[in-house]
PDB file of N, CA and C in Angstrom:
ATOM      1  N   MET A   1     -70.353 -69.801  -8.424  1.00  0.00           N
ATOM      2  CA  MET A   1     -71.187 -70.872  -7.913  1.00  0.00           C
ATOM      3  C   MET A   1     -71.923 -71.485  -9.095  1.00  0.00           C
ATOM      4  N   THR A   2     -71.694 -72.725  -9.323  1.00  0.00           N
ATOM      5  CA  THR A   2     -72.307 -73.363 -10.478  1.00  0.00           C
ATOM      6  C   THR A   2     -73.676 -73.943 -10.151  1.00  0.00           C
ATOM      7  N   GLU A   3     -73.938 -74.184  -8.884  1.00  0.00           N
ATOM      8  CA  GLU A   3     -75.230 -74.725  -8.494  1.00  0.00           C
ATOM      9  C   GLU A   3     -76.171 -73.595  -8.098  1.00  0.00           C
ATOM     10  N   THR A   4     -77.446 -73.836  -8.314  1.00  0.00           N
ATOM     11  CA  THR A   4     -78.430 -72.878  -7.817  1.00  0.00           C
ATOM     12  C   THR A   4     -78.816 -73.287  -6.405  1.00  0.00           C
ATOM     13  N   VAL A   5     -79.390 -72.366  -5.685  1.00  0.00           N
ATOM     14  CA  VAL A   5     -79.894 -72.674  -4.357  1.00  0.00           C
ATOM     15  C   VAL A   5     -81.067 -73.632  -4.526  1.00  0.00           C
ATOM     16  N   LYS A   6     -81.094 -74.682  -3.734  1.00  0.00           N
ATOM     17  CA  LYS A   6     -82.172 -75.674  -3.822  1.00  0.00           C
ATOM     18  C   LYS A   6     -83.239 -75.356  -2.782  1.00  0.00           C
ATOM     19  N   PHE A   7     -84.456 -75.193  -3.254  1.00  0.00           N
ATOM     20  CA  PHE A   7     -85.587 -74.945  -2.374  1.00  0.00           C
ATOM     21  C   PHE A   7     -86.511 -76.152  -2.405  1.00  0.00           C
ATOM     22  N   SER A   8     -87.162 -76.406  -1.289  1.00  0.00           N
ATOM     23  CA  SER A   8     -88.168 -77.466  -1.253  1.00  0.00           C
ATOM     24  C   SER A   8     -89.366 -77.021  -2.097  1.00  0.00           C
ATOM     25  N   LYS A   9     -90.223 -77.963  -2.412  1.00  0.00           N
ATOM     26  CA  LYS A   9     -91.413 -77.640  -3.211  1.00  0.00           C
ATOM     27  C   LYS A   9     -92.275 -76.579  -2.522  1.00  0.00           C
ATOM     28  N   PRO A  10     -92.551 -76.704  -1.212  1.00  0.00           N
ATOM     29  CA  PRO A  10     -93.334 -75.646  -0.553  1.00  0.00           C
ATOM     30  C   PRO A  10     -92.625 -74.284  -0.573  1.00  0.00           C
ATOM     31  N   GLN A  11     -91.312 -74.282  -0.430  1.00  0.00           N
ATOM     32  CA  GLN A  11     -90.570 -73.017  -0.494  1.00  0.00           C
ATOM     33  C   GLN A  11     -90.680 -72.406  -1.888  1.00  0.00           C
ATOM     34  N   GLN A  12     -90.539 -73.243  -2.922  1.00  0.00           N
ATOM     35  CA  GLN A  12     -90.660 -72.751  -4.300  1.00  0.00           C
ATOM     36  C   GLN A  12     -92.030 -72.139  -4.531  1.00  0.00           C
ATOM     37  N   GLU A  13     -93.062 -72.821  -4.063  1.00  0.00           N
ATOM     38  CA  GLU A  13     -94.423 -72.310  -4.246  1.00  0.00           C
ATOM     39  C   GLU A  13     -94.601 -70.972  -3.539  1.00  0.00           C
ATOM     40  N   LEU A  14     -94.101 -70.877  -2.316  1.00  0.00           N
ATOM     41  CA  LEU A  14     -94.209 -69.627  -1.566  1.00  0.00           C
ATOM     42  C   LEU A  14     -93.453 -68.501  -2.272  1.00  0.00           C
ATOM     43  N   LEU A  15     -92.235 -68.778  -2.711  1.00  0.00           N
ATOM     44  CA  LEU A  15     -91.422 -67.741  -3.351  1.00  0.00           C
ATOM     45  C   LEU A  15     -91.991 -67.310  -4.698  1.00  0.00           C
ATOM     46  N   THR A  16     -92.502 -68.262  -5.478  1.00  0.00           N
ATOM     47  CA  THR A  16     -93.100 -67.873  -6.764  1.00  0.00           C
ATOM     48  C   THR A  16     -94.371 -67.055  -6.529  1.00  0.00           C
ATOM     49  N   GLN A  17     -95.141 -67.404  -5.499  1.00  0.00           N
ATOM     50  CA  GLN A  17     -96.329 -66.602  -5.171  1.00  0.00           C
ATOM     51  C   GLN A  17     -95.928 -65.190  -4.759  1.00  0.00           C
ATOM     52  N   LYS A  18     -94.866 -65.079  -3.982  1.00  0.00           N
ATOM     53  CA  LYS A  18     -94.393 -63.754  -3.570  1.00  0.00           C
ATOM     54  C   LYS A  18     -93.951 -62.938  -4.785  1.00  0.00           C
ATOM     55  N   LEU A  19     -93.268 -63.581  -5.736  1.00  0.00           N
ATOM     56  CA  LEU A  19     -92.876 -62.878  -6.962  1.00  0.00           C
ATOM     57  C   LEU A  19     -94.112 -62.429  -7.739  1.00  0.00           C
ATOM     58  N   GLN A  20     -95.092 -63.309  -7.850  1.00  0.00           N
ATOM     59  CA  GLN A  20     -96.312 -62.964  -8.575  1.00  0.00           C
ATOM     60  C   GLN A  20     -97.038 -61.799  -7.907  1.00  0.00           C
ATOM     61  N   HIS A  21     -97.137 -61.831  -6.584  1.00  0.00           N
ATOM     62  CA  HIS A  21     -97.800 -60.734  -5.872  1.00  0.00           C
ATOM     63  C   HIS A  21     -97.025 -59.433  -6.027  1.00  0.00           C
ATOM     64  N   TYR A  22     -95.705 -59.511  -5.978  1.00  0.00           N
ATOM     65  CA  TYR A  22     -94.886 -58.308  -6.134  1.00  0.00           C
ATOM     66  C   TYR A  22     -95.107 -57.695  -7.518  1.00  0.00           C
ATOM     67  N   PHE A  23     -95.052 -58.532  -8.550  1.00  0.00           N
ATOM     68  CA  PHE A  23     -95.233 -58.026  -9.910  1.00  0.00           C
ATOM     69  C   PHE A  23     -96.617 -57.412 -10.088  1.00  0.00           C
ATOM     70  N   ALA A  24     -97.628 -58.046  -9.521  1.00  0.00           N
ATOM     71  CA  ALA A  24     -98.995 -57.522  -9.639  1.00  0.00           C
ATOM     72  C   ALA A  24     -99.136 -56.196  -8.900  1.00  0.00           C
ATOM     73  N   ARG A  25     -98.621 -56.129  -7.681  1.00  0.00           N
ATOM     74  CA  ARG A  25     -98.782 -54.940  -6.835  1.00  0.00           C
ATOM     75  C   ARG A  25     -97.913 -53.777  -7.302  1.00  0.00           C
ATOM     76  N   GLU A  26     -96.640 -54.031  -7.555  1.00  0.00           N
ATOM     77  CA  GLU A  26     -95.694 -52.952  -7.833  1.00  0.00           C
ATOM     78  C   GLU A  26     -95.568 -52.603  -9.313  1.00  0.00           C
ATOM     79  N   LEU A  27     -95.765 -53.598 -10.168  1.00  0.00           N
ATOM     80  CA  LEU A  27     -95.545 -53.373 -11.600  1.00  0.00           C
ATOM     81  C   LEU A  27     -96.822 -53.497 -12.422  1.00  0.00           C
ATOM     82  N   ASN A  28     -97.931 -53.820 -11.737  1.00  0.00           N
ATOM     83  CA  ASN A  28     -99.197 -54.006 -12.430  1.00  0.00           C
ATOM     84  C   ASN A  28     -99.041 -54.983 -13.599  1.00  0.00           C
ATOM     85  N   TYR A  29     -98.374 -56.096 -13.318  1.00  0.00           N
ATOM     86  CA  TYR A  29     -98.084 -57.096 -14.342  1.00  0.00           C
ATOM     87  C   TYR A  29     -98.483 -58.465 -13.809  1.00  0.00           C
ATOM     88  N   ASP A  30     -99.210 -59.210 -14.627  1.00  0.00           N
ATOM     89  CA  ASP A  30     -99.642 -60.555 -14.251  1.00  0.00           C
ATOM     90  C   ASP A  30     -98.556 -61.550 -14.645  1.00  0.00           C
ATOM     91  N   LEU A  31     -97.749 -61.933 -13.680  1.00  0.00           N
ATOM     92  CA  LEU A  31     -96.668 -62.893 -13.903  1.00  0.00           C
ATOM     93  C   LEU A  31     -97.219 -64.292 -13.656  1.00  0.00           C
ATOM     94  N   GLY A  32     -97.226 -65.103 -14.700  1.00  0.00           N
ATOM     95  CA  GLY A  32     -97.740 -66.459 -14.571  1.00  0.00           C
ATOM     96  C   GLY A  32     -96.824 -67.335 -13.731  1.00  0.00           C
ATOM     97  N   GLY A  33     -97.358 -68.456 -13.284  1.00  0.00           N
ATOM     98  CA  GLY A  33     -96.590 -69.371 -12.446  1.00  0.00           C
ATOM     99  C   GLY A  33     -95.339 -69.890 -13.120  1.00  0.00           C
ATOM    100  N   PHE A  34     -95.437 -70.211 -14.397  1.00  0.00           N
ATOM    101  CA  PHE A  34     -94.293 -70.716 -15.157  1.00  0.00           C
ATOM    102  C   PHE A  34     -93.198 -69.656 -15.227  1.00  0.00           C
ATOM    103  N   ASP A  35     -93.583 -68.427 -15.557  1.00  0.00           N
ATOM    104  CA  ASP A  35     -92.612 -67.330 -15.636  1.00  0.00           C
ATOM    105  C   ASP A  35     -92.032 -67.000 -14.262  1.00  0.00           C
ATOM    106  N   ALA A  36     -92.860 -67.089 -13.230  1.00  0.00           N
ATOM    107  CA  ALA A  36     -92.379 -66.819 -11.870  1.00  0.00           C
ATOM    108  C   ALA A  36     -91.332 -67.853 -11.466  1.00  0.00           C
ATOM    109  N   GLN A  37     -91.550 -69.109 -11.849  1.00  0.00           N
ATOM    110  CA  GLN A  37     -90.569 -70.157 -11.539  1.00  0.00           C
ATOM    111  C   GLN A  37     -89.261 -69.909 -12.285  1.00  0.00           C
ATOM    112  N   PHE A  38     -89.346 -69.516 -13.557  1.00  0.00           N
ATOM    113  CA  PHE A  38     -88.134 -69.183 -14.320  1.00  0.00           C
ATOM    114  C   PHE A  38     -87.398 -68.007 -13.687  1.00  0.00           C
ATOM    115  N   LEU A  39     -88.145 -67.002 -13.250  1.00  0.00           N
ATOM    116  CA  LEU A  39     -87.532 -65.842 -12.604  1.00  0.00           C
ATOM    117  C   LEU A  39     -86.862 -66.249 -11.295  1.00  0.00           C
ATOM    118  N   LEU A  40     -87.527 -67.093 -10.511  1.00  0.00           N
ATOM    119  CA  LEU A  40     -86.936 -67.581  -9.265  1.00  0.00           C
ATOM    120  C   LEU A  40     -85.648 -68.352  -9.549  1.00  0.00           C
ATOM    121  N   ASP A  41     -85.663 -69.191 -10.568  1.00  0.00           N
ATOM    122  CA  ASP A  41     -84.455 -69.937 -10.942  1.00  0.00           C
ATOM    123  C   ASP A  41     -83.329 -68.986 -11.334  1.00  0.00           C
ATOM    124  N   PHE A  42     -83.661 -67.952 -12.103  1.00  0.00           N
ATOM    125  CA  PHE A  42     -82.660 -66.967 -12.521  1.00  0.00           C
ATOM    126  C   PHE A  42     -82.071 -66.246 -11.309  1.00  0.00           C
ATOM    127  N   ILE A  43     -82.941 -65.776 -10.423  1.00  0.00           N
ATOM    128  CA  ILE A  43     -82.478 -65.057  -9.233  1.00  0.00           C
ATOM    129  C   ILE A  43     -81.591 -65.965  -8.389  1.00  0.00           C
ATOM    130  N   SER A  44     -82.009 -67.206  -8.210  1.00  0.00           N
ATOM    131  CA  SER A  44     -81.224 -68.152  -7.417  1.00  0.00           C
ATOM    132  C   SER A  44     -79.851 -68.385  -8.028  1.00  0.00           C
ATOM    133  N   GLN A  45     -79.822 -68.563  -9.331  1.00  0.00           N
ATOM    134  CA  GLN A  45     -78.564 -68.868 -10.015  1.00  0.00           C
ATOM    135  C   GLN A  45     -77.639 -67.660 -10.067  1.00  0.00           C
ATOM    136  N   GLU A  46     -78.170 -66.505 -10.366  1.00  0.00           N
ATOM    137  CA  GLU A  46     -77.336 -65.325 -10.576  1.00  0.00           C
ATOM    138  C   GLU A  46     -77.013 -64.553  -9.301  1.00  0.00           C
ATOM    139  N   PHE A  47     -77.911 -64.565  -8.337  1.00  0.00           N
ATOM    140  CA  PHE A  47     -77.725 -63.752  -7.129  1.00  0.00           C
ATOM    141  C   PHE A  47     -77.598 -64.573  -5.855  1.00  0.00           C
ATOM    142  N   GLY A  48     -78.004 -65.819  -5.907  1.00  0.00           N
ATOM    143  CA  GLY A  48     -78.051 -66.642  -4.700  1.00  0.00           C
ATOM    144  C   GLY A  48     -76.746 -66.697  -3.944  1.00  0.00           C
ATOM    145  N   TYR A  49     -75.634 -66.823  -4.650  1.00  0.00           N
ATOM    146  CA  TYR A  49     -74.359 -66.952  -3.948  1.00  0.00           C
ATOM    147  C   TYR A  49     -73.983 -65.678  -3.210  1.00  0.00           C
ATOM    148  N   HIS A  50     -74.461 -64.523  -3.676  1.00  0.00           N
ATOM    149  CA  HIS A  50     -74.188 -63.277  -2.942  1.00  0.00           C
ATOM    150  C   HIS A  50     -74.867 -63.315  -1.569  1.00  0.00           C
ATOM    151  N   PHE A  51     -76.126 -63.752  -1.550  1.00  0.00           N
ATOM    152  CA  PHE A  51     -76.855 -63.869  -0.286  1.00  0.00           C
ATOM    153  C   PHE A  51     -76.221 -64.938   0.603  1.00  0.00           C
ATOM    154  N   TYR A  52     -75.836 -66.041  -0.008  1.00  0.00           N
ATOM    155  CA  TYR A  52     -75.204 -67.141   0.726  1.00  0.00           C
ATOM    156  C   TYR A  52     -73.901 -66.675   1.372  1.00  0.00           C
ATOM    157  N   ASN A  53     -73.051 -66.022   0.586  1.00  0.00           N
ATOM    158  CA  ASN A  53     -71.767 -65.547   1.109  1.00  0.00           C
ATOM    159  C   ASN A  53     -71.958 -64.506   2.200  1.00  0.00           C
ATOM    160  N   GLN A  54     -72.933 -63.622   2.039  1.00  0.00           N
ATOM    161  CA  GLN A  54     -73.196 -62.627   3.074  1.00  0.00           C
ATOM    162  C   GLN A  54     -73.681 -63.307   4.350  1.00  0.00           C
ATOM    163  N   GLY A  55     -74.473 -64.342   4.197  1.00  0.00           N
ATOM    164  CA  GLY A  55     -74.919 -65.112   5.356  1.00  0.00           C
ATOM    165  C   GLY A  55     -73.749 -65.736   6.099  1.00  0.00           C
ATOM    166  N   LEU A  56     -72.778 -66.248   5.344  1.00  0.00           N
ATOM    167  CA  LEU A  56     -71.577 -66.804   5.973  1.00  0.00           C
ATOM    168  C   LEU A  56     -70.800 -65.729   6.718  1.00  0.00           C
ATOM    169  N   LEU A  57     -70.653 -64.560   6.108  1.00  0.00           N
ATOM    170  CA  LEU A  57     -69.940 -63.461   6.773  1.00  0.00           C
ATOM    171  C   LEU A  57     -70.668 -63.020   8.039  1.00  0.00           C
ATOM    172  N   ASP A  58     -71.985 -62.945   7.971  1.00  0.00           N
ATOM    173  CA  ASP A  58     -72.774 -62.572   9.146  1.00  0.00           C
ATOM    174  C   ASP A  58     -72.607 -63.608  10.261  1.00  0.00           C
ATOM    175  N   ALA A  59     -72.658 -64.892   9.900  1.00  0.00           N
ATOM    176  CA  ALA A  59     -72.488 -65.956  10.893  1.00  0.00           C
ATOM    177  C   ALA A  59     -71.092 -65.906  11.503  1.00  0.00           C
ATOM    178  N   GLN A  60     -70.094 -65.645  10.668  1.00  0.00           N
ATOM    179  CA  GLN A  60     -68.715 -65.548  11.154  1.00  0.00           C
ATOM    180  C   GLN A  60     -68.571 -64.388  12.137  1.00  0.00           C
ATOM    181  N   ALA A  61     -69.192 -63.260  11.850  1.00  0.00           N
ATOM    182  CA  ALA A  61     -69.121 -62.099  12.744  1.00  0.00           C
ATOM    183  C   ALA A  61     -69.791 -62.404  14.084  1.00  0.00           C
ATOM    184  N   ILE A  62     -70.927 -63.087  14.046  1.00  0.00           N
ATOM    185  CA  ILE A  62     -71.621 -63.451  15.283  1.00  0.00           C
ATOM    186  C   ILE A  62     -70.765 -64.409  16.102  1.00  0.00           C
ATOM    187  N   LEU A  63     -70.204 -65.402  15.438  1.00  0.00           N
ATOM    188  CA  LEU A  63     -69.358 -66.375  16.128  1.00  0.00           C
ATOM    189  C   LEU A  63     -68.132 -65.705  16.735  1.00  0.00           C
ATOM    190  N   SER A  64     -67.523 -64.800  16.005  1.00  0.00           N
ATOM    191  CA  SER A  64     -66.353 -64.075  16.500  1.00  0.00           C
ATOM    192  C   SER A  64     -66.708 -63.270  17.750  1.00  0.00           C
ATOM    193  N   LYS A  65     -67.864 -62.614  17.730  1.00  0.00           N
ATOM    194  CA  LYS A  65     -68.320 -61.840  18.894  1.00  0.00           C
ATOM    195  C   LYS A  65     -68.551 -62.753  20.085  1.00  0.00           C
ATOM    196  N   LYS A  66     -69.171 -63.907  19.851  1.00  0.00           N
ATOM    197  CA  LYS A  66     -69.422 -64.855  20.938  1.00  0.00           C
ATOM    198  C   LYS A  66     -68.105 -65.368  21.523  1.00  0.00           C
ATOM    199  N   ILE A  67     -67.125 -65.642  20.680  1.00  0.00           N
ATOM    200  CA  ILE A  67     -65.816 -66.097  21.158  1.00  0.00           C
ATOM    201  C   ILE A  67     -65.164 -65.015  22.004  1.00  0.00           C
ATOM    202  N   ASP A  68     -65.253 -63.763  21.564  1.00  0.00           N
ATOM    203  CA  ASP A  68     -64.719 -62.651  22.362  1.00  0.00           C
ATOM    204  C   ASP A  68     -65.411 -62.583  23.724  1.00  0.00           C
ATOM    205  N   ASP A  69     -66.735 -62.762  23.736  1.00  0.00           N
ATOM    206  CA  ASP A  69     -67.483 -62.737  24.995  1.00  0.00           C
ATOM    207  C   ASP A  69     -67.029 -63.864  25.925  1.00  0.00           C
ATOM    208  N   ILE A  70     -66.817 -65.051  25.364  1.00  0.00           N
ATOM    209  CA  ILE A  70     -66.364 -66.190  26.168  1.00  0.00           C
ATOM    210  C   ILE A  70     -64.968 -65.928  26.722  1.00  0.00           C
ATOM    211  N   GLN A  71     -64.080 -65.376  25.886  1.00  0.00           N
ATOM    212  CA  GLN A  71     -62.732 -65.057  26.352  1.00  0.00           C
ATOM    213  C   GLN A  71     -62.776 -64.036  27.486  1.00  0.00           C
ATOM    214  N   ASP A  72     -63.639 -63.040  27.365  1.00  0.00           N
ATOM    215  CA  ASP A  72     -63.793 -62.049  28.439  1.00  0.00           C
ATOM    216  C   ASP A  72     -64.304 -62.708  29.718  1.00  0.00           C
ATOM    217  N   ALA A  73     -65.281 -63.595  29.588  1.00  0.00           N
ATOM    218  CA  ALA A  73     -65.837 -64.279  30.757  1.00  0.00           C
ATOM    219  C   ALA A  73     -64.782 -65.153  31.428  1.00  0.00           C
ATOM    220  N   ILE A  74     -63.980 -65.833  30.637  1.00  0.00           N
ATOM    221  CA  ILE A  74     -62.903 -66.653  31.198  1.00  0.00           C
ATOM    222  C   ILE A  74     -61.880 -65.767  31.898  1.00  0.00           C
ATOM    223  N   GLY A  75     -61.561 -64.641  31.298  1.00  0.00           N
ATOM    224  CA  GLY A  75     -60.619 -63.706  31.914  1.00  0.00           C
ATOM    225  C   GLY A  75     -61.099 -63.217  33.262  1.00  0.00           C
ATOM    226  N   GLN A  76     -62.400 -63.048  33.417  1.00  0.00           N
ATOM    227  CA  GLN A  76     -62.958 -62.588  34.689  1.00  0.00           C
ATOM    228  C   GLN A  76     -62.879 -63.667  35.771  1.00  0.00           C
ATOM    229  N   LEU A  77     -62.692 -64.905  35.368  1.00  0.00           N
ATOM    230  CA  LEU A  77     -62.577 -66.005  36.328  1.00  0.00           C
ATOM    231  C   LEU A  77     -61.153 -66.168  36.869  1.00  0.00           C
ATOM    232  N   GLU A  78     -60.214 -65.461  36.274  1.00  0.00           N
ATOM    233  CA  GLU A  78     -58.818 -65.597  36.712  1.00  0.00           C
ATOM    234  C   GLU A  78     -58.684 -65.237  38.182  1.00  0.00           C
ATOM    235  N   LYS A  79     -57.792 -65.941  38.828  1.00  0.00           N
ATOM    236  CA  LYS A  79     -57.510 -65.673  40.234  1.00  0.00           C
ATOM    237  C   LYS A  79     -56.055 -65.237  40.342  1.00  0.00           C
ATOM    238  N   PHE A  80     -55.818 -64.289  41.224  1.00  0.00           N
ATOM    239  CA  PHE A  80     -54.473 -63.750  41.412  1.00  0.00           C
ATOM    240  C   PHE A  80     -54.097 -63.871  42.884  1.00  0.00           C
ATOM    241  N   PRO A  81     -52.812 -64.042  43.148  1.00  0.00           N
ATOM    242  CA  PRO A  81     -52.392 -64.128  44.556  1.00  0.00           C
ATOM    243  C   PRO A  81     -52.594 -62.790  45.253  1.00  0.00           C
ATOM    244  N   LYS A  82     -52.860 -62.886  46.549  1.00  0.00           N
ATOM    245  CA  LYS A  82     -53.007 -61.664  47.334  1.00  0.00           C
ATOM    246  C   LYS A  82     -51.619 -61.077  47.551  1.00  0.00           C
ATOM    247  N   PRO A  83     -51.506 -59.764  47.485  1.00  0.00           N
ATOM    248  CA  PRO A  83     -50.190 -59.152  47.695  1.00  0.00           C
ATOM    249  C   PRO A  83     -49.728 -59.349  49.144  1.00  0.00           C
ATOM    250  N   ASN A  84     -48.420 -59.507  49.315  1.00  0.00           N
ATOM    251  CA  ASN A  84     -47.833 -59.641  50.651  1.00  0.00           C
ATOM    252  C   ASN A  84     -47.832 -58.295  51.340  1.00  0.00           C
ATOM    253  N   LYS A  85     -48.055 -58.321  52.643  1.00  0.00           N
ATOM    254  CA  LYS A  85     -48.071 -57.064  53.399  1.00  0.00           C
ATOM    255  C   LYS A  85     -46.774 -56.828  54.073  1.00  0.00           C
TER     256      LYS A  85
END
């Protein structure tokens, strides 16, 4: 994937804040806003497509299950002739 995931400005701000809070809480490190944005860009570019592809696989599995459910429901609507006595 040559493109990075595109986030809106509010999403970028939220994600960089989450990175900053994580670094402060878990690593006792003060990650500045500029560095947090660079880290977010790196994560998006290097790992984003893995999350994207997994999301597609998850959506495909859900859709497949729904199609199976619809096929089962249609099968239950089938009508058969009554046997002759």
